[in-house]
Amino acid sequence: MTDTAFFQTIYHHPLLRDHDYKAIAEAHTKIDLAPGALLLEAGKTAREFYAIEQGLCRSFLYDYNGNEITTEYYCPGDILIESFSLFQRIPSNENFQTVSAVTAWKISYDDFQQLLQTVEGFREWGRHWATHQLFVLKQRSIQAFMISATDRYLQLIATRPTIIALSPLKYVASYLGITDSSLSRIRKEITAG
């Protein structure tokens, strides 16, 4: 029997009850992955998504010049999902990869759909989660233009320290939309005070 505490944290919603969390937990499969493992490769269609328990993952793509760009990070407590691919049943443009050793809980598209159809609280959680993700995406796109790279880096340190602790700086730089050398300069300026 799977402990439901992790799932109560990930899928927290007031309409969900203990028996709902038991059903949610049973729909997931625990996986342990080594650093550098691909969860989804560009050109392939997503068939599942993951709740990250430990470790760090990222999504990335290649720009028109062939440069690798980190588009998002997934820390403990996050849902790693390629929404367009999973729900539209189309190939992904992004790669999803572990940055460190990762423990995650995988749920298939079919099992997810079954929970949405049978568990009202899960449906409401899904609606709330999707709305929140739209807000986060909009906020990040606006901040890319309105906040300096230094301030975005400081914000990343303050709000998502797991990324700074586990990710190579070249990934962090591309995530912030700057070069490796610009990030090195920013780090030196911060250290110098």
N, C-alpha and C. Protein backbone atom coordinates (compact mmCIF):
# COMPACT_ATOMS: atom_id res chain seq x y z
N MET A 1 0.84 -1.19 0.00
CA MET A 1 0.00 0.00 0.00
C MET A 1 0.88 1.25 0.00
N THR A 2 0.53 2.20 -0.84
CA THR A 2 1.30 3.42 -0.99
C THR A 2 0.87 4.47 0.03
N ASP A 3 1.85 5.11 0.65
CA ASP A 3 1.57 6.21 1.57
C ASP A 3 1.01 7.37 0.75
N THR A 4 -0.03 8.01 1.24
CA THR A 4 -0.68 9.08 0.47
C THR A 4 -0.18 10.48 0.81
N ALA A 5 0.72 10.62 1.78
CA ALA A 5 1.15 11.96 2.22
C ALA A 5 1.72 12.79 1.07
N PHE A 6 2.56 12.20 0.24
CA PHE A 6 3.14 12.93 -0.89
C PHE A 6 2.04 13.41 -1.83
N PHE A 7 1.07 12.56 -2.10
CA PHE A 7 0.00 12.91 -3.04
C PHE A 7 -0.94 13.96 -2.45
N GLN A 8 -1.08 13.97 -1.13
CA GLN A 8 -1.87 15.02 -0.49
C GLN A 8 -1.20 16.38 -0.66
N THR A 9 0.12 16.40 -0.73
CA THR A 9 0.85 17.65 -0.96
C THR A 9 0.73 18.08 -2.42
N ILE A 10 0.95 17.15 -3.33
CA ILE A 10 0.93 17.46 -4.77
C ILE A 10 -0.47 17.84 -5.24
N TYR A 11 -1.45 17.04 -4.89
CA TYR A 11 -2.81 17.21 -5.39
C TYR A 11 -3.73 17.81 -4.33
N HIS A 12 -3.23 18.72 -3.56
CA HIS A 12 -4.01 19.31 -2.46
C HIS A 12 -5.24 20.04 -3.00
N HIS A 13 -6.39 19.65 -2.49
CA HIS A 13 -7.65 20.34 -2.79
C HIS A 13 -8.65 19.99 -1.69
N PRO A 14 -9.45 20.97 -1.24
CA PRO A 14 -10.37 20.71 -0.12
C PRO A 14 -11.46 19.67 -0.42
N LEU A 15 -11.76 19.41 -1.68
CA LEU A 15 -12.78 18.41 -2.00
C LEU A 15 -12.24 16.98 -1.97
N LEU A 16 -10.93 16.82 -1.94
CA LEU A 16 -10.35 15.48 -1.94
C LEU A 16 -10.34 14.89 -0.54
N ARG A 17 -10.76 13.64 -0.43
CA ARG A 17 -10.83 12.91 0.84
C ARG A 17 -9.77 11.81 0.87
N ASP A 18 -9.62 11.17 2.01
CA ASP A 18 -8.61 10.12 2.17
C ASP A 18 -8.75 9.02 1.11
N HIS A 19 -9.99 8.58 0.86
CA HIS A 19 -10.17 7.51 -0.14
C HIS A 19 -9.82 7.99 -1.54
N ASP A 20 -10.00 9.29 -1.82
CA ASP A 20 -9.60 9.84 -3.11
C ASP A 20 -8.08 9.80 -3.25
N TYR A 21 -7.38 10.19 -2.18
CA TYR A 21 -5.91 10.17 -2.23
C TYR A 21 -5.39 8.75 -2.38
N LYS A 22 -6.09 7.80 -1.82
CA LYS A 22 -5.68 6.40 -1.98
C LYS A 22 -5.79 6.00 -3.45
N ALA A 23 -6.89 6.37 -4.10
CA ALA A 23 -7.08 6.07 -5.53
C ALA A 23 -6.03 6.79 -6.38
N ILE A 24 -5.74 8.03 -6.03
CA ILE A 24 -4.72 8.80 -6.75
C ILE A 24 -3.36 8.13 -6.62
N ALA A 25 -3.00 7.76 -5.40
CA ALA A 25 -1.70 7.11 -5.16
C ALA A 25 -1.59 5.80 -5.93
N GLU A 26 -2.65 5.03 -5.95
CA GLU A 26 -2.63 3.74 -6.64
C GLU A 26 -2.52 3.89 -8.15
N ALA A 27 -2.88 5.05 -8.69
CA ALA A 27 -2.79 5.29 -10.13
C ALA A 27 -1.36 5.66 -10.57
N HIS A 28 -0.49 5.92 -9.61
CA HIS A 28 0.89 6.32 -9.90
C HIS A 28 1.86 5.15 -9.70
N THR A 29 2.97 5.23 -10.41
CA THR A 29 4.06 4.26 -10.28
C THR A 29 5.33 5.01 -9.92
N LYS A 30 6.00 4.56 -8.87
CA LYS A 30 7.24 5.21 -8.43
C LYS A 30 8.38 4.80 -9.35
N ILE A 31 9.19 5.80 -9.75
CA ILE A 31 10.37 5.53 -10.57
C ILE A 31 11.57 6.28 -10.01
N ASP A 32 12.74 5.68 -10.14
CA ASP A 32 14.00 6.31 -9.76
C ASP A 32 14.83 6.43 -11.03
N LEU A 33 15.34 7.63 -11.28
CA LEU A 33 16.06 7.91 -12.51
C LEU A 33 17.44 8.49 -12.23
N ALA A 34 18.39 8.14 -13.06
CA ALA A 34 19.76 8.66 -12.96
C ALA A 34 19.83 10.04 -13.62
N PRO A 35 20.85 10.83 -13.28
CA PRO A 35 21.04 12.12 -13.94
C PRO A 35 21.18 11.94 -15.46
N GLY A 36 20.55 12.83 -16.21
CA GLY A 36 20.63 12.80 -17.66
C GLY A 36 19.61 11.91 -18.35
N ALA A 37 18.74 11.25 -17.59
CA ALA A 37 17.73 10.38 -18.19
C ALA A 37 16.68 11.22 -18.91
N LEU A 38 16.28 10.77 -20.10
CA LEU A 38 15.23 11.46 -20.85
C LEU A 38 13.87 10.88 -20.48
N LEU A 39 12.98 11.75 -20.04
CA LEU A 39 11.60 11.36 -19.74
C LEU A 39 10.73 11.46 -20.99
N LEU A 40 11.05 12.42 -21.84
CA LEU A 40 10.35 12.59 -23.11
C LEU A 40 11.32 13.24 -24.08
N GLU A 41 11.39 12.70 -25.28
CA GLU A 41 12.28 13.23 -26.31
C GLU A 41 11.46 14.03 -27.32
N ALA A 42 12.03 15.13 -27.80
CA ALA A 42 11.37 15.93 -28.84
C ALA A 42 11.04 15.02 -30.02
N GLY A 43 9.85 15.22 -30.58
CA GLY A 43 9.40 14.40 -31.69
C GLY A 43 8.56 13.21 -31.26
N LYS A 44 8.55 12.90 -29.96
CA LYS A 44 7.74 11.81 -29.43
C LYS A 44 6.50 12.39 -28.74
N THR A 45 5.47 11.60 -28.63
CA THR A 45 4.22 12.04 -28.01
C THR A 45 4.18 11.58 -26.55
N ALA A 46 3.86 12.52 -25.66
CA ALA A 46 3.77 12.21 -24.23
C ALA A 46 2.63 11.24 -23.97
N ARG A 47 2.88 10.27 -23.10
CA ARG A 47 1.86 9.29 -22.73
C ARG A 47 1.61 9.29 -21.22
N GLU A 48 2.40 10.10 -20.50
CA GLU A 48 2.26 10.18 -19.05
C GLU A 48 2.82 11.50 -18.56
N PHE A 49 2.61 11.76 -17.27
CA PHE A 49 3.29 12.89 -16.63
C PHE A 49 3.78 12.44 -15.28
N TYR A 50 4.53 13.31 -14.59
CA TYR A 50 5.27 12.91 -13.40
C TYR A 50 5.08 13.93 -12.27
N ALA A 51 5.00 13.42 -11.06
CA ALA A 51 5.06 14.25 -9.86
C ALA A 51 6.46 14.03 -9.28
N ILE A 52 7.21 15.11 -9.15
CA ILE A 52 8.61 15.01 -8.72
C ILE A 52 8.67 14.98 -7.20
N GLU A 53 9.25 13.91 -6.65
CA GLU A 53 9.41 13.78 -5.20
C GLU A 53 10.78 14.29 -4.76
N GLN A 54 11.83 13.89 -5.47
CA GLN A 54 13.19 14.32 -5.14
C GLN A 54 13.95 14.58 -6.43
N GLY A 55 14.90 15.53 -6.35
CA GLY A 55 15.76 15.78 -7.50
C GLY A 55 15.27 16.94 -8.35
N LEU A 56 15.90 17.07 -9.52
CA LEU A 56 15.62 18.20 -10.41
C LEU A 56 15.56 17.71 -11.85
N CYS A 57 14.55 18.19 -12.57
CA CYS A 57 14.40 17.92 -14.00
C CYS A 57 14.32 19.25 -14.74
N ARG A 58 14.44 19.18 -16.04
CA ARG A 58 14.28 20.38 -16.86
C ARG A 58 13.67 20.00 -18.19
N SER A 59 13.09 20.99 -18.85
CA SER A 59 12.69 20.84 -20.25
C SER A 59 13.60 21.75 -21.05
N PHE A 60 13.92 21.31 -22.27
CA PHE A 60 14.78 22.13 -23.12
C PHE A 60 14.46 21.86 -24.58
N LEU A 61 14.89 22.80 -25.41
CA LEU A 61 14.75 22.68 -26.85
C LEU A 61 15.96 23.31 -27.50
N TYR A 62 16.00 23.22 -28.82
CA TYR A 62 17.09 23.84 -29.58
C TYR A 62 16.50 24.99 -30.39
N ASP A 63 17.13 26.17 -30.28
CA ASP A 63 16.63 27.32 -31.02
C ASP A 63 17.04 27.21 -32.49
N TYR A 64 16.70 28.22 -33.29
CA TYR A 64 16.95 28.19 -34.73
C TYR A 64 18.43 28.15 -35.08
N ASN A 65 19.31 28.49 -34.13
CA ASN A 65 20.75 28.41 -34.34
C ASN A 65 21.35 27.12 -33.78
N GLY A 66 20.51 26.25 -33.24
CA GLY A 66 20.99 25.00 -32.68
C GLY A 66 21.46 25.10 -31.24
N ASN A 67 21.22 26.24 -30.59
CA ASN A 67 21.60 26.41 -29.19
C ASN A 67 20.57 25.74 -28.28
N GLU A 68 21.07 25.05 -27.26
CA GLU A 68 20.20 24.38 -26.30
C GLU A 68 19.66 25.42 -25.31
N ILE A 69 18.34 25.48 -25.17
CA ILE A 69 17.69 26.45 -24.30
C ILE A 69 16.84 25.71 -23.27
N THR A 70 17.13 25.92 -21.99
CA THR A 70 16.30 25.36 -20.92
C THR A 70 15.03 26.20 -20.82
N THR A 71 13.88 25.56 -20.98
CA THR A 71 12.61 26.29 -20.98
C THR A 71 11.91 26.27 -19.63
N GLU A 72 12.19 25.24 -18.82
CA GLU A 72 11.57 25.15 -17.50
C GLU A 72 12.33 24.17 -16.63
N TYR A 73 12.18 24.35 -15.33
CA TYR A 73 12.72 23.42 -14.34
C TYR A 73 11.56 22.82 -13.55
N TYR A 74 11.80 21.60 -13.05
CA TYR A 74 10.81 20.89 -12.25
C TYR A 74 11.50 20.41 -10.98
N CYS A 75 11.09 20.98 -9.87
CA CYS A 75 11.68 20.74 -8.55
C CYS A 75 10.78 19.79 -7.75
N PRO A 76 11.25 19.32 -6.59
CA PRO A 76 10.38 18.50 -5.74
C PRO A 76 9.05 19.21 -5.45
N GLY A 77 7.97 18.47 -5.62
CA GLY A 77 6.63 19.03 -5.42
C GLY A 77 6.00 19.55 -6.70
N ASP A 78 6.76 19.57 -7.80
CA ASP A 78 6.23 20.05 -9.08
C ASP A 78 5.66 18.89 -9.90
N ILE A 79 4.79 19.26 -10.83
CA ILE A 79 4.28 18.34 -11.83
C ILE A 79 5.08 18.58 -13.11
N LEU A 80 5.69 17.53 -13.63
CA LEU A 80 6.40 17.62 -14.91
C LEU A 80 5.45 17.07 -15.96
N ILE A 81 5.02 17.95 -16.84
CA ILE A 81 4.04 17.57 -17.85
C ILE A 81 4.30 18.34 -19.13
N GLU A 82 4.13 17.69 -20.26
CA GLU A 82 4.17 18.35 -21.56
C GLU A 82 2.71 18.41 -22.00
N SER A 83 2.03 19.46 -21.57
CA SER A 83 0.57 19.56 -21.73
C SER A 83 0.11 19.46 -23.17
N PHE A 84 0.77 20.20 -24.08
CA PHE A 84 0.32 20.19 -25.47
C PHE A 84 0.40 18.78 -26.05
N SER A 85 1.51 18.12 -25.84
CA SER A 85 1.70 16.78 -26.38
C SER A 85 0.74 15.78 -25.74
N LEU A 86 0.62 15.82 -24.42
CA LEU A 86 -0.21 14.86 -23.70
C LEU A 86 -1.69 14.99 -24.05
N PHE A 87 -2.20 16.21 -24.04
CA PHE A 87 -3.64 16.40 -24.23
C PHE A 87 -4.06 16.51 -25.68
N GLN A 88 -3.18 17.01 -26.54
CA GLN A 88 -3.50 17.11 -27.96
C GLN A 88 -3.07 15.87 -28.74
N ARG A 89 -2.30 14.99 -28.07
CA ARG A 89 -1.79 13.76 -28.67
C ARG A 89 -0.91 14.07 -29.89
N ILE A 90 -0.03 15.07 -29.73
CA ILE A 90 0.89 15.48 -30.80
C ILE A 90 2.33 15.36 -30.30
N PRO A 91 3.30 15.24 -31.22
CA PRO A 91 4.71 15.16 -30.80
C PRO A 91 5.15 16.43 -30.09
N SER A 92 6.02 16.25 -29.13
CA SER A 92 6.56 17.37 -28.34
C SER A 92 7.66 18.09 -29.11
N ASN A 93 7.78 19.38 -28.89
CA ASN A 93 8.91 20.16 -29.41
C ASN A 93 10.06 20.20 -28.41
N GLU A 94 9.79 19.77 -27.19
CA GLU A 94 10.78 19.86 -26.11
C GLU A 94 11.25 18.48 -25.69
N ASN A 95 12.43 18.48 -25.07
CA ASN A 95 12.98 17.31 -24.39
C ASN A 95 12.78 17.53 -22.89
N PHE A 96 12.53 16.45 -22.16
CA PHE A 96 12.39 16.51 -20.70
C PHE A 96 13.42 15.56 -20.11
N GLN A 97 14.28 16.09 -19.25
CA GLN A 97 15.45 15.36 -18.79
C GLN A 97 15.69 15.57 -17.30
N THR A 98 16.23 14.55 -16.65
CA THR A 98 16.65 14.71 -15.26
C THR A 98 17.98 15.45 -15.23
N VAL A 99 18.12 16.36 -14.30
CA VAL A 99 19.38 17.09 -14.10
C VAL A 99 20.20 16.37 -13.03
N SER A 100 19.52 15.86 -12.03
CA SER A 100 20.15 15.11 -10.93
C SER A 100 19.46 13.74 -10.85
N ALA A 101 19.86 12.94 -9.89
CA ALA A 101 19.09 11.72 -9.61
C ALA A 101 17.69 12.16 -9.19
N VAL A 102 16.68 11.46 -9.67
CA VAL A 102 15.29 11.88 -9.44
C VAL A 102 14.45 10.69 -8.98
N THR A 103 13.60 10.96 -8.00
CA THR A 103 12.52 10.04 -7.63
C THR A 103 11.23 10.74 -8.03
N ALA A 104 10.42 10.07 -8.82
CA ALA A 104 9.18 10.66 -9.30
C ALA A 104 8.08 9.60 -9.30
N TRP A 105 6.87 10.10 -9.43
CA TRP A 105 5.70 9.23 -9.52
C TRP A 105 5.04 9.47 -10.87
N LYS A 106 4.95 8.43 -11.67
CA LYS A 106 4.44 8.52 -13.03
C LYS A 106 2.97 8.10 -13.06
N ILE A 107 2.18 8.84 -13.84
CA ILE A 107 0.78 8.46 -14.06
C ILE A 107 0.51 8.53 -15.56
N SER A 108 -0.13 7.50 -16.08
CA SER A 108 -0.43 7.45 -17.51
C SER A 108 -1.58 8.40 -17.85
N TYR A 109 -1.65 8.77 -19.11
CA TYR A 109 -2.74 9.61 -19.60
C TYR A 109 -4.09 8.96 -19.30
N ASP A 110 -4.20 7.66 -19.57
CA ASP A 110 -5.48 6.97 -19.36
C ASP A 110 -5.89 6.95 -17.89
N ASP A 111 -4.93 6.68 -17.00
CA ASP A 111 -5.25 6.69 -15.57
C ASP A 111 -5.61 8.09 -15.08
N PHE A 112 -4.93 9.10 -15.62
CA PHE A 112 -5.25 10.49 -15.29
C PHE A 112 -6.68 10.82 -15.72
N GLN A 113 -7.04 10.44 -16.94
CA GLN A 113 -8.40 10.69 -17.45
C GLN A 113 -9.45 9.98 -16.60
N GLN A 114 -9.13 8.76 -16.18
CA GLN A 114 -10.05 8.00 -15.32
C GLN A 114 -10.29 8.73 -14.00
N LEU A 115 -9.22 9.24 -13.40
CA LEU A 115 -9.37 10.00 -12.15
C LEU A 115 -10.19 11.27 -12.36
N LEU A 116 -9.96 11.96 -13.48
CA LEU A 116 -10.73 13.17 -13.77
C LEU A 116 -12.22 12.86 -13.89
N GLN A 117 -12.54 11.72 -14.47
CA GLN A 117 -13.94 11.35 -14.68
C GLN A 117 -14.63 10.84 -13.42
N THR A 118 -13.86 10.27 -12.50
CA THR A 118 -14.49 9.60 -11.36
C THR A 118 -14.31 10.31 -10.01
N VAL A 119 -13.37 11.24 -9.92
CA VAL A 119 -13.08 11.89 -8.64
C VAL A 119 -13.29 13.40 -8.79
N GLU A 120 -14.40 13.90 -8.26
CA GLU A 120 -14.75 15.32 -8.42
C GLU A 120 -13.65 16.25 -7.91
N GLY A 121 -13.09 15.95 -6.75
CA GLY A 121 -12.03 16.79 -6.19
C GLY A 121 -10.80 16.83 -7.07
N PHE A 122 -10.51 15.72 -7.74
CA PHE A 122 -9.37 15.67 -8.65
C PHE A 122 -9.63 16.55 -9.87
N ARG A 123 -10.85 16.51 -10.36
CA ARG A 123 -11.25 17.38 -11.48
C ARG A 123 -11.07 18.84 -11.10
N GLU A 124 -11.52 19.21 -9.90
CA GLU A 124 -11.39 20.59 -9.44
C GLU A 124 -9.92 20.96 -9.22
N TRP A 125 -9.14 20.03 -8.68
CA TRP A 125 -7.70 20.28 -8.55
C TRP A 125 -7.11 20.56 -9.93
N GLY A 126 -7.45 19.75 -10.92
CA GLY A 126 -6.92 19.91 -12.27
C GLY A 126 -7.25 21.27 -12.86
N ARG A 127 -8.47 21.72 -12.64
CA ARG A 127 -8.89 23.03 -13.15
C ARG A 127 -8.08 24.13 -12.47
N HIS A 128 -7.92 24.04 -11.17
CA HIS A 128 -7.15 25.03 -10.42
C HIS A 128 -5.68 25.01 -10.85
N TRP A 129 -5.10 23.83 -10.98
CA TRP A 129 -3.70 23.70 -11.37
C TRP A 129 -3.46 24.31 -12.75
N ALA A 130 -4.33 24.01 -13.72
CA ALA A 130 -4.17 24.53 -15.08
C ALA A 130 -4.27 26.06 -15.09
N THR A 131 -5.19 26.61 -14.34
CA THR A 131 -5.33 28.07 -14.24
C THR A 131 -4.08 28.69 -13.65
N HIS A 132 -3.56 28.08 -12.60
CA HIS A 132 -2.34 28.59 -11.96
C HIS A 132 -1.15 28.53 -12.93
N GLN A 133 -1.06 27.48 -13.71
CA GLN A 133 0.05 27.36 -14.67
C GLN A 133 -0.01 28.45 -15.73
N LEU A 134 -1.21 28.81 -16.17
CA LEU A 134 -1.34 29.92 -17.12
C LEU A 134 -0.85 31.22 -16.50
N PHE A 135 -1.18 31.45 -15.24
CA PHE A 135 -0.72 32.64 -14.53
C PHE A 135 0.81 32.66 -14.45
N VAL A 136 1.41 31.53 -14.07
CA VAL A 136 2.87 31.44 -13.93
C VAL A 136 3.55 31.71 -15.27
N LEU A 137 3.02 31.12 -16.34
CA LEU A 137 3.59 31.32 -17.67
C LEU A 137 3.52 32.78 -18.10
N LYS A 138 2.38 33.40 -17.88
CA LYS A 138 2.21 34.82 -18.24
C LYS A 138 3.16 35.69 -17.42
N GLN A 139 3.25 35.42 -16.13
CA GLN A 139 4.13 36.19 -15.26
C GLN A 139 5.59 36.07 -15.70
N ARG A 140 6.01 34.86 -16.02
CA ARG A 140 7.41 34.65 -16.45
C ARG A 140 7.69 35.37 -17.76
N SER A 141 6.75 35.33 -18.71
CA SER A 141 6.98 35.99 -19.99
C SER A 141 7.05 37.51 -19.84
N ILE A 142 6.26 38.07 -18.96
CA ILE A 142 6.31 39.51 -18.71
C ILE A 142 7.59 39.89 -18.00
N GLN A 143 8.00 39.10 -17.01
CA GLN A 143 9.22 39.40 -16.26
C GLN A 143 10.46 39.37 -17.14
N ALA A 144 10.45 38.56 -18.19
CA ALA A 144 11.60 38.48 -19.09
C ALA A 144 11.88 39.84 -19.73
N PHE A 145 10.86 40.66 -19.88
CA PHE A 145 11.02 41.98 -20.49
C PHE A 145 11.10 43.11 -19.47
N MET A 146 10.55 42.91 -18.29
CA MET A 146 10.44 44.01 -17.34
C MET A 146 11.43 43.96 -16.19
N ILE A 147 12.08 42.81 -15.99
CA ILE A 147 13.01 42.66 -14.87
C ILE A 147 14.39 42.33 -15.42
N SER A 148 15.40 42.94 -14.88
CA SER A 148 16.77 42.70 -15.35
C SER A 148 17.18 41.25 -15.10
N ALA A 149 18.18 40.81 -15.85
CA ALA A 149 18.70 39.45 -15.68
C ALA A 149 19.22 39.24 -14.26
N THR A 150 19.85 40.27 -13.70
CA THR A 150 20.36 40.17 -12.33
C THR A 150 19.21 39.94 -11.35
N ASP A 151 18.15 40.70 -11.50
CA ASP A 151 17.01 40.54 -10.60
C ASP A 151 16.29 39.21 -10.81
N ARG A 152 16.23 38.73 -12.06
CA ARG A 152 15.63 37.41 -12.31
C ARG A 152 16.47 36.32 -11.66
N TYR A 153 17.80 36.46 -11.70
CA TYR A 153 18.69 35.49 -11.07
C TYR A 153 18.51 35.51 -9.55
N LEU A 154 18.46 36.70 -8.97
CA LEU A 154 18.25 36.82 -7.53
C LEU A 154 16.90 36.24 -7.12
N GLN A 155 15.90 36.47 -7.94
CA GLN A 155 14.57 35.91 -7.67
C GLN A 155 14.61 34.38 -7.73
N LEU A 156 15.35 33.84 -8.69
CA LEU A 156 15.49 32.39 -8.80
C LEU A 156 16.18 31.81 -7.57
N ILE A 157 17.21 32.48 -7.09
CA ILE A 157 17.91 32.05 -5.87
C ILE A 157 16.94 32.02 -4.69
N ALA A 158 16.13 33.06 -4.58
CA ALA A 158 15.22 33.20 -3.44
C ALA A 158 14.04 32.23 -3.49
N THR A 159 13.51 31.99 -4.69
CA THR A 159 12.27 31.22 -4.78
C THR A 159 12.45 29.76 -5.17
N ARG A 160 13.56 29.45 -5.84
CA ARG A 160 13.76 28.08 -6.31
C ARG A 160 15.22 27.66 -6.10
N PRO A 161 15.66 27.60 -4.85
CA PRO A 161 17.07 27.32 -4.55
C PRO A 161 17.54 25.95 -5.04
N THR A 162 16.62 25.01 -5.21
CA THR A 162 17.00 23.68 -5.72
C THR A 162 17.65 23.80 -7.09
N ILE A 163 17.17 24.71 -7.91
CA ILE A 163 17.73 24.90 -9.24
C ILE A 163 19.18 25.35 -9.14
N ILE A 164 19.44 26.33 -8.29
CA ILE A 164 20.80 26.85 -8.12
C ILE A 164 21.71 25.77 -7.54
N ALA A 165 21.19 24.95 -6.63
CA ALA A 165 21.99 23.92 -5.98
C ALA A 165 22.34 22.76 -6.92
N LEU A 166 21.44 22.41 -7.85
CA LEU A 166 21.62 21.18 -8.62
C LEU A 166 21.88 21.36 -10.11
N SER A 167 21.62 22.53 -10.65
CA SER A 167 21.72 22.70 -12.10
C SER A 167 23.05 23.30 -12.54
N PRO A 168 23.62 22.78 -13.62
CA PRO A 168 24.80 23.44 -14.20
C PRO A 168 24.45 24.88 -14.59
N LEU A 169 25.41 25.77 -14.45
CA LEU A 169 25.16 27.19 -14.72
C LEU A 169 24.78 27.46 -16.17
N LYS A 170 25.27 26.64 -17.11
CA LYS A 170 24.91 26.87 -18.51
C LYS A 170 23.40 26.68 -18.73
N TYR A 171 22.78 25.75 -17.99
CA TYR A 171 21.33 25.58 -18.08
C TYR A 171 20.61 26.77 -17.47
N VAL A 172 21.12 27.23 -16.33
CA VAL A 172 20.51 28.38 -15.65
C VAL A 172 20.58 29.61 -16.54
N ALA A 173 21.73 29.83 -17.17
CA ALA A 173 21.90 30.99 -18.05
C ALA A 173 20.88 30.96 -19.18
N SER A 174 20.74 29.81 -19.84
CA SER A 174 19.79 29.74 -20.95
C SER A 174 18.36 29.92 -20.46
N TYR A 175 18.05 29.42 -19.28
CA TYR A 175 16.72 29.60 -18.69
C TYR A 175 16.42 31.08 -18.45
N LEU A 176 17.44 31.82 -18.03
CA LEU A 176 17.29 33.25 -17.79
C LEU A 176 17.34 34.07 -19.08
N GLY A 177 17.69 33.43 -20.18
CA GLY A 177 17.76 34.13 -21.46
C GLY A 177 19.04 34.93 -21.64
N ILE A 178 20.12 34.48 -21.00
CA ILE A 178 21.40 35.19 -21.09
C ILE A 178 22.51 34.18 -21.40
N THR A 179 23.68 34.70 -21.72
CA THR A 179 24.83 33.84 -22.01
C THR A 179 25.49 33.38 -20.71
N ASP A 180 26.31 32.35 -20.83
CA ASP A 180 27.07 31.85 -19.68
C ASP A 180 27.95 32.96 -19.10
N SER A 181 28.60 33.73 -20.00
CA SER A 181 29.50 34.79 -19.53
C SER A 181 28.73 35.90 -18.82
N SER A 182 27.52 36.20 -19.28
CA SER A 182 26.71 37.21 -18.59
C SER A 182 26.33 36.73 -17.19
N LEU A 183 25.99 35.45 -17.07
CA LEU A 183 25.65 34.92 -15.75
C LEU A 183 26.88 34.94 -14.84
N SER A 184 28.04 34.62 -15.36
CA SER A 184 29.27 34.68 -14.56
C SER A 184 29.51 36.10 -14.05
N ARG A 185 29.31 37.08 -14.93
CA ARG A 185 29.49 38.48 -14.54
C ARG A 185 28.49 38.86 -13.45
N ILE A 186 27.24 38.46 -13.61
CA ILE A 186 26.20 38.76 -12.62
C ILE A 186 26.56 38.13 -11.28
N ARG A 187 27.02 36.89 -11.29
CA ARG A 187 27.40 36.21 -10.05
C ARG A 187 28.56 36.92 -9.37
N LYS A 188 29.53 37.39 -10.14
CA LYS A 188 30.68 38.12 -9.58
C LYS A 188 30.22 39.44 -8.95
N GLU A 189 29.32 40.14 -9.65
CA GLU A 189 28.80 41.41 -9.13
C GLU A 189 28.04 41.19 -7.82
N ILE A 190 27.27 40.13 -7.75
CA ILE A 190 26.51 39.83 -6.53
C ILE A 190 27.46 39.50 -5.39
N THR A 191 28.47 38.69 -5.68
CA THR A 191 29.45 38.31 -4.66
C THR A 191 30.24 39.51 -4.16
N ALA A 192 30.59 40.41 -5.09
CA ALA A 192 31.36 41.60 -4.73
C ALA A 192 30.52 42.58 -3.91
N GLY A 193 29.20 42.46 -4.07
CA GLY A 193 28.30 43.30 -3.28
C GLY A 193 28.15 44.63 -3.89
